[in-house]
């Protein structure tokens, strides 16, 4: 049976005139067996995409989603 986790990532989207970073929170739904595996899958996906952006995984929790119907 699949388990789904919601992984929250803070991404720097812009740098303001005063030098502070503007951040956005993005939520990813990950099929994994544990929180640790879900976090590592998101990090690997960001690294494999080749995009050079500043990001930080800020949280992960088990989702209430039971299954994904495609």
Protein backbone atom coordinates (compact mmCIF):
# COMPACT_ATOMS: atom_id res chain seq x y z
CA UNK A 1 0.00 0.00 0.00
CA UNK A 2 1.30 3.41 -0.94
CA UNK A 3 1.98 6.12 1.61
CA UNK A 4 2.03 9.75 0.60
CA UNK A 5 3.87 12.59 2.30
CA UNK A 6 3.54 16.34 1.89
CA UNK A 7 6.99 17.91 1.78
CA UNK A 8 7.18 21.69 2.20
CA UNK A 9 10.05 23.51 0.52
CA UNK A 10 10.96 27.19 0.93
CA UNK A 11 12.28 28.57 -2.35
CA UNK A 12 13.97 31.94 -2.84
CA UNK A 13 12.08 33.58 -5.70
CA UNK A 14 13.67 37.06 -5.69
CA UNK A 15 16.00 39.38 -3.84
CA UNK A 16 14.40 42.62 -2.73
CA UNK A 17 16.01 46.06 -2.99
CA UNK A 18 16.88 46.00 0.71
CA UNK A 19 18.87 42.80 0.19
CA UNK A 20 16.39 40.41 1.82
CA UNK A 21 15.25 37.30 0.02
CA UNK A 22 11.62 36.87 -0.97
CA UNK A 23 10.60 33.26 -0.35
CA UNK A 24 7.70 31.13 -1.48
CA UNK A 25 6.50 27.88 0.06
CA UNK A 26 5.87 24.99 -2.28
CA UNK A 27 4.26 21.70 -1.28
CA UNK A 28 5.15 18.45 -3.02
CA UNK A 29 3.21 15.18 -2.72
CA UNK A 30 5.68 12.28 -2.55
CA UNK A 31 5.06 8.52 -2.64
CA UNK A 32 7.50 7.13 -0.05
CA UNK A 33 7.71 4.79 2.91
CA UNK A 34 8.96 7.34 5.47
CA UNK A 35 9.40 11.05 6.05
CA UNK A 36 13.15 10.71 5.57
CA UNK A 37 12.72 9.00 2.21
CA UNK A 38 10.20 11.65 1.09
CA UNK A 39 12.59 14.48 2.00
CA UNK A 40 15.52 12.82 0.24
CA UNK A 41 13.44 12.26 -2.91
CA UNK A 42 12.56 15.96 -3.05
CA UNK A 43 16.21 16.98 -2.58
CA UNK A 44 17.28 14.54 -5.30
CA UNK A 45 14.61 15.90 -7.64
CA UNK A 46 15.85 19.46 -7.09
CA UNK A 47 19.48 18.39 -7.67
CA UNK A 48 18.61 16.38 -10.80
CA UNK A 49 16.63 19.26 -12.33
CA UNK A 50 19.83 21.25 -12.81
CA UNK A 51 18.20 24.52 -11.77
CA UNK A 52 20.40 26.58 -9.45
CA UNK A 53 17.99 28.05 -6.90
CA UNK A 54 18.23 28.45 -3.16
CA UNK A 55 15.81 26.16 -1.34
CA UNK A 56 15.30 24.54 2.04
CA UNK A 57 13.11 21.59 3.00
CA UNK A 58 11.16 23.09 5.88
CA UNK A 59 8.88 20.21 6.79
CA UNK A 60 7.29 16.92 5.93
CA UNK A 61 4.21 15.12 7.17
CA UNK A 62 2.13 12.14 6.23
CA UNK A 63 -0.65 13.09 3.86
CA UNK A 64 -4.30 12.18 4.17
CA UNK A 65 -4.34 11.30 0.46
CA UNK A 66 -5.20 7.63 0.15
CA UNK A 67 -4.36 7.09 -3.51
CA UNK A 68 -3.75 8.92 -6.74
CA UNK A 69 -6.02 8.04 -9.63
CA UNK A 70 -4.45 8.76 -13.01
